[in-house]
């Protein structure tokens, strides 16, 4: 039963990480296959994009532009930088290593994925915003998944009660959901771009944390 013990050699964290990695990778592969082959998911993409585009309002558009900035490169860099300084000050070396692998590593992976699929962004005759670069997967959605997912993991490890941990996970989920929604609403991405980005982000997060946990499991608790 050591595999399911938080303190065991293989540990609950490691087991959950492997399961999440497999599940998220499988999901990303399925979405990516649909994008490449033009399966029904891409038809749904177009319907969803048109539906939101026809129902935009100035007020909601302004709100979505604010929300989407919570996963912009500058914001992610600043939050990750401050978090890294706090971890360095507290000498939480394994958590700092996890931060370095998850955020910069994931952001380095993103352009490779975009170039591999080179999917064009949604286009509208009367587009009110213009976005550059390839569409799949969504960079903002992946950045939100990595940043807020990692912060939620740190919170779960730091908090003592399940209620606090549940709120941390819920907060991360809401942030990712809002950022993903903002990208579809603003016409920057298709729905599958966002779903694929979240799956890719979860897979990278699970892989990175599992690797760090494997490194530290013979040396005690994380951080």
Protein backbone atom coordinates (compact mmCIF):
# COMPACT_ATOMS: atom_id res chain seq x y z
CA UNK A 1 0.00 0.00 0.00
CA UNK A 2 3.03 2.31 -0.01
CA UNK A 3 2.07 3.45 -3.48
CA UNK A 4 -0.99 5.15 -2.01
CA UNK A 5 0.73 6.59 1.05
CA UNK A 6 1.73 10.26 0.83
CA UNK A 7 4.98 9.36 2.59
CA UNK A 8 5.61 6.03 0.91
CA UNK A 9 8.50 5.40 -1.48
CA UNK A 10 6.31 5.61 -4.55
CA UNK A 11 3.76 7.80 -2.80
CA UNK A 12 0.29 9.07 -3.52
CA UNK A 13 1.62 12.17 -5.29
CA UNK A 14 3.66 10.06 -7.70
CA UNK A 15 0.76 7.72 -8.45
CA UNK A 16 -1.64 10.61 -9.07
CA UNK A 17 0.95 12.35 -11.21
CA UNK A 18 1.41 9.35 -13.47
CA UNK A 19 -2.36 8.86 -13.83
CA UNK A 20 -2.85 12.56 -14.64
CA UNK A 21 -0.01 12.47 -17.15
CA UNK A 22 -1.51 9.49 -18.97
CA UNK A 23 -5.03 10.90 -18.94
CA UNK A 24 -4.07 14.42 -20.04
CA UNK A 25 -1.75 13.10 -22.77
CA UNK A 26 -4.50 10.84 -24.09
CA UNK A 27 -6.95 13.75 -24.12
CA UNK A 28 -4.51 16.05 -25.91
CA UNK A 29 -3.80 13.35 -28.48
CA UNK A 30 -7.49 12.91 -29.19
CA UNK A 31 -8.10 16.63 -29.59
CA UNK A 32 -5.00 17.07 -31.75
CA UNK A 33 -6.10 14.20 -34.00
CA UNK A 34 -9.50 15.84 -34.50
CA UNK A 35 -7.83 19.15 -35.35
CA UNK A 36 -5.54 17.54 -37.91
CA UNK A 37 -8.19 15.37 -39.57
CA UNK A 38 -11.00 17.94 -39.44
CA UNK A 39 -13.29 15.69 -37.40
CA UNK A 40 -16.65 16.92 -36.00
CA UNK A 41 -14.92 18.76 -33.16
CA UNK A 42 -13.65 21.33 -35.67
CA UNK A 43 -17.20 21.82 -36.97
CA UNK A 44 -18.30 22.53 -33.40
CA UNK A 45 -15.37 24.96 -33.14
CA UNK A 46 -16.73 27.07 -35.98
CA UNK A 47 -20.28 27.10 -34.60
CA UNK A 48 -19.08 28.12 -31.13
CA UNK A 49 -16.80 30.84 -32.54
CA UNK A 50 -19.60 32.32 -34.66
CA UNK A 51 -22.09 32.14 -31.78
CA UNK A 52 -19.86 34.16 -29.47
CA UNK A 53 -18.81 36.59 -32.19
CA UNK A 54 -22.42 37.48 -32.94
CA UNK A 55 -23.16 38.14 -29.27
CA UNK A 56 -20.27 40.34 -28.22
CA UNK A 57 -20.94 43.51 -26.26
CA UNK A 58 -18.54 46.37 -25.48
CA UNK A 59 -18.79 45.85 -21.72
CA UNK A 60 -18.21 42.09 -21.78
CA UNK A 61 -15.43 42.48 -24.34
CA UNK A 62 -13.63 44.92 -22.03
CA UNK A 63 -14.05 42.51 -19.11
CA UNK A 64 -12.71 39.59 -21.15
CA UNK A 65 -9.67 41.63 -22.20
CA UNK A 66 -8.88 42.20 -18.51
CA UNK A 67 -9.39 38.53 -17.65
CA UNK A 68 -7.26 37.27 -20.53
CA UNK A 69 -4.34 39.37 -19.25
CA UNK A 70 -4.20 37.14 -16.17
CA UNK A 71 -2.44 34.65 -18.42
CA UNK A 72 -0.47 37.14 -20.53
CA UNK A 73 3.31 36.54 -20.76
CA UNK A 74 4.16 39.60 -18.66
CA UNK A 75 1.76 38.63 -15.85
CA UNK A 76 2.88 34.99 -15.84
CA UNK A 77 6.53 36.06 -15.76
CA UNK A 78 5.96 38.47 -12.88
CA UNK A 79 3.96 36.01 -10.77
CA UNK A 80 6.44 33.21 -11.44
CA UNK A 81 9.34 35.54 -10.63
CA UNK A 82 7.87 36.66 -7.30
CA UNK A 83 6.99 33.07 -6.42
CA UNK A 84 10.52 31.99 -7.28
CA UNK A 85 12.02 34.67 -5.03
CA UNK A 86 9.80 33.58 -2.13
CA UNK A 87 10.77 29.93 -2.62
CA UNK A 88 14.45 30.87 -2.83
CA UNK A 89 14.18 32.97 0.35
CA UNK A 90 12.50 30.06 2.16
CA UNK A 91 15.04 27.61 0.70
CA UNK A 92 12.32 25.43 -0.82
CA UNK A 93 14.69 24.08 -3.43
CA UNK A 94 12.52 21.31 -4.84
CA UNK A 95 9.55 23.60 -5.24
CA UNK A 96 11.80 26.16 -6.90
CA UNK A 97 13.04 23.45 -9.26
CA UNK A 98 9.44 22.51 -10.02
CA UNK A 99 8.64 26.17 -10.78
CA UNK A 100 11.57 26.47 -13.18
CA UNK A 101 10.66 23.28 -15.03
CA UNK A 102 6.91 23.90 -15.19
CA UNK A 103 6.71 27.56 -16.25
CA UNK A 104 9.75 28.29 -18.46
CA UNK A 105 9.79 24.69 -19.68
CA UNK A 106 6.14 24.70 -20.59
CA UNK A 107 6.39 28.07 -22.30
CA UNK A 108 9.34 26.77 -24.34
CA UNK A 109 7.25 23.76 -25.39
CA UNK A 110 4.33 25.91 -26.54
CA UNK A 111 5.82 27.36 -29.77
CA UNK A 112 6.97 23.89 -30.79
CA UNK A 113 3.40 22.63 -30.50
CA UNK A 114 2.05 25.60 -32.43
CA UNK A 115 4.55 25.07 -35.23
CA UNK A 116 3.77 21.36 -35.35
CA UNK A 117 0.07 21.97 -36.02
CA UNK A 118 0.24 25.43 -37.68
CA UNK A 119 -3.49 25.93 -37.34
CA UNK A 120 -4.85 29.33 -38.32
CA UNK A 121 -6.85 31.40 -35.87
CA UNK A 122 -10.59 32.05 -36.23
CA UNK A 123 -11.39 34.65 -38.86
CA UNK A 124 -14.42 36.90 -39.17
CA UNK A 125 -15.39 39.43 -41.82
CA UNK A 126 -16.07 42.09 -39.19
CA UNK A 127 -13.41 41.09 -36.65
CA UNK A 128 -13.00 43.65 -33.86
CA UNK A 129 -9.65 42.29 -32.67
CA UNK A 130 -6.71 40.98 -34.65
CA UNK A 131 -4.45 38.23 -33.28
CA UNK A 132 -1.15 37.00 -34.66
CA UNK A 133 0.45 33.57 -34.69
CA UNK A 134 -0.91 30.06 -34.86
CA UNK A 135 -4.00 28.99 -32.97
CA UNK A 136 -3.48 25.45 -31.60
CA UNK A 137 -2.93 25.13 -28.71
CA UNK A 138 -3.88 28.36 -26.96
CA UNK A 139 -0.86 29.96 -25.30
CA UNK A 140 -2.92 31.84 -22.72
CA UNK A 141 -4.92 28.76 -21.74
CA UNK A 142 -1.77 26.66 -21.41
CA UNK A 143 -0.01 29.38 -19.41
CA UNK A 144 -3.01 29.66 -17.07
CA UNK A 145 -3.06 25.89 -16.58
CA UNK A 146 0.63 25.79 -15.76
CA UNK A 147 0.72 28.86 -13.51
CA UNK A 148 -2.47 28.43 -11.52
CA UNK A 149 -2.18 24.65 -11.51
CA UNK A 150 1.29 24.87 -9.98
CA UNK A 151 0.21 27.49 -7.45
CA UNK A 152 -2.67 25.22 -6.46
CA UNK A 153 -0.24 22.34 -5.95
CA UNK A 154 1.96 24.53 -3.74
CA UNK A 155 -1.13 25.61 -1.77
CA UNK A 156 -2.28 22.02 -1.31
CA UNK A 157 1.15 21.10 0.05
CA UNK A 158 1.20 24.13 2.37
CA UNK A 159 -2.36 24.03 3.73
CA UNK A 160 -3.36 21.77 6.60
CA UNK A 161 -7.09 21.26 6.03
CA UNK A 162 -8.95 19.71 3.11
CA UNK A 163 -11.26 22.73 3.00
CA UNK A 164 -8.32 25.06 2.31
CA UNK A 165 -6.93 22.68 -0.28
CA UNK A 166 -10.29 22.40 -1.99
CA UNK A 167 -10.58 26.20 -2.21
CA UNK A 168 -7.07 26.40 -3.71
CA UNK A 169 -7.91 23.84 -6.38
CA UNK A 170 -11.27 25.49 -7.08
CA UNK A 171 -9.59 28.89 -7.44
CA UNK A 172 -7.12 27.51 -9.97
CA UNK A 173 -9.93 25.80 -11.88
CA UNK A 174 -11.94 29.03 -12.06
CA UNK A 175 -8.94 31.03 -13.29
CA UNK A 176 -8.20 28.52 -16.06
CA UNK A 177 -11.88 28.41 -16.99
CA UNK A 178 -12.17 32.20 -17.16
CA UNK A 179 -9.00 32.61 -19.22
CA UNK A 180 -10.06 29.86 -21.60
CA UNK A 181 -13.50 31.39 -21.98
CA UNK A 182 -12.00 34.81 -22.66
CA UNK A 183 -9.89 33.45 -25.50
CA UNK A 184 -12.89 31.90 -27.23
CA UNK A 185 -15.12 34.93 -26.60
CA UNK A 186 -12.53 37.36 -27.98
CA UNK A 187 -12.14 35.27 -31.13
CA UNK A 188 -8.49 34.53 -30.44
CA UNK A 189 -8.95 30.75 -30.40
CA UNK A 190 -11.32 27.94 -31.16
CA UNK A 191 -12.77 25.87 -28.33
CA UNK A 192 -10.51 22.94 -29.24
CA UNK A 193 -7.47 25.23 -29.01
CA UNK A 194 -8.35 25.95 -25.40
CA UNK A 195 -9.21 22.34 -24.52
CA UNK A 196 -6.00 21.11 -26.14
CA UNK A 197 -3.97 23.72 -24.29
CA UNK A 198 -5.43 22.73 -20.92
CA UNK A 199 -4.72 19.06 -21.65
CA UNK A 200 -1.16 19.83 -22.75
CA UNK A 201 -0.63 22.04 -19.70
CA UNK A 202 -1.88 19.36 -17.33
CA UNK A 203 0.32 16.75 -19.00
CA UNK A 204 3.42 18.95 -18.70
CA UNK A 205 2.54 19.89 -15.13
CA UNK A 206 2.10 16.24 -14.18
CA UNK A 207 5.31 15.19 -15.94
CA UNK A 208 7.34 17.96 -14.31
CA UNK A 209 6.01 17.42 -10.80
CA UNK A 210 6.36 13.65 -11.10
CA UNK A 211 9.97 14.07 -12.17
CA UNK A 212 10.74 16.40 -9.26
CA UNK A 213 8.91 14.13 -6.82
CA UNK A 214 10.90 11.16 -8.10
CA UNK A 215 14.09 13.13 -7.51
CA UNK A 216 13.23 14.13 -3.96
CA UNK A 217 11.36 11.05 -2.66
CA UNK A 218 14.52 9.53 -1.18
CA UNK A 219 15.33 12.88 0.50
CA UNK A 220 12.11 13.62 2.37
CA UNK A 221 9.18 15.93 1.67
CA UNK A 222 8.98 18.31 -1.27
CA UNK A 223 10.62 21.65 -0.44
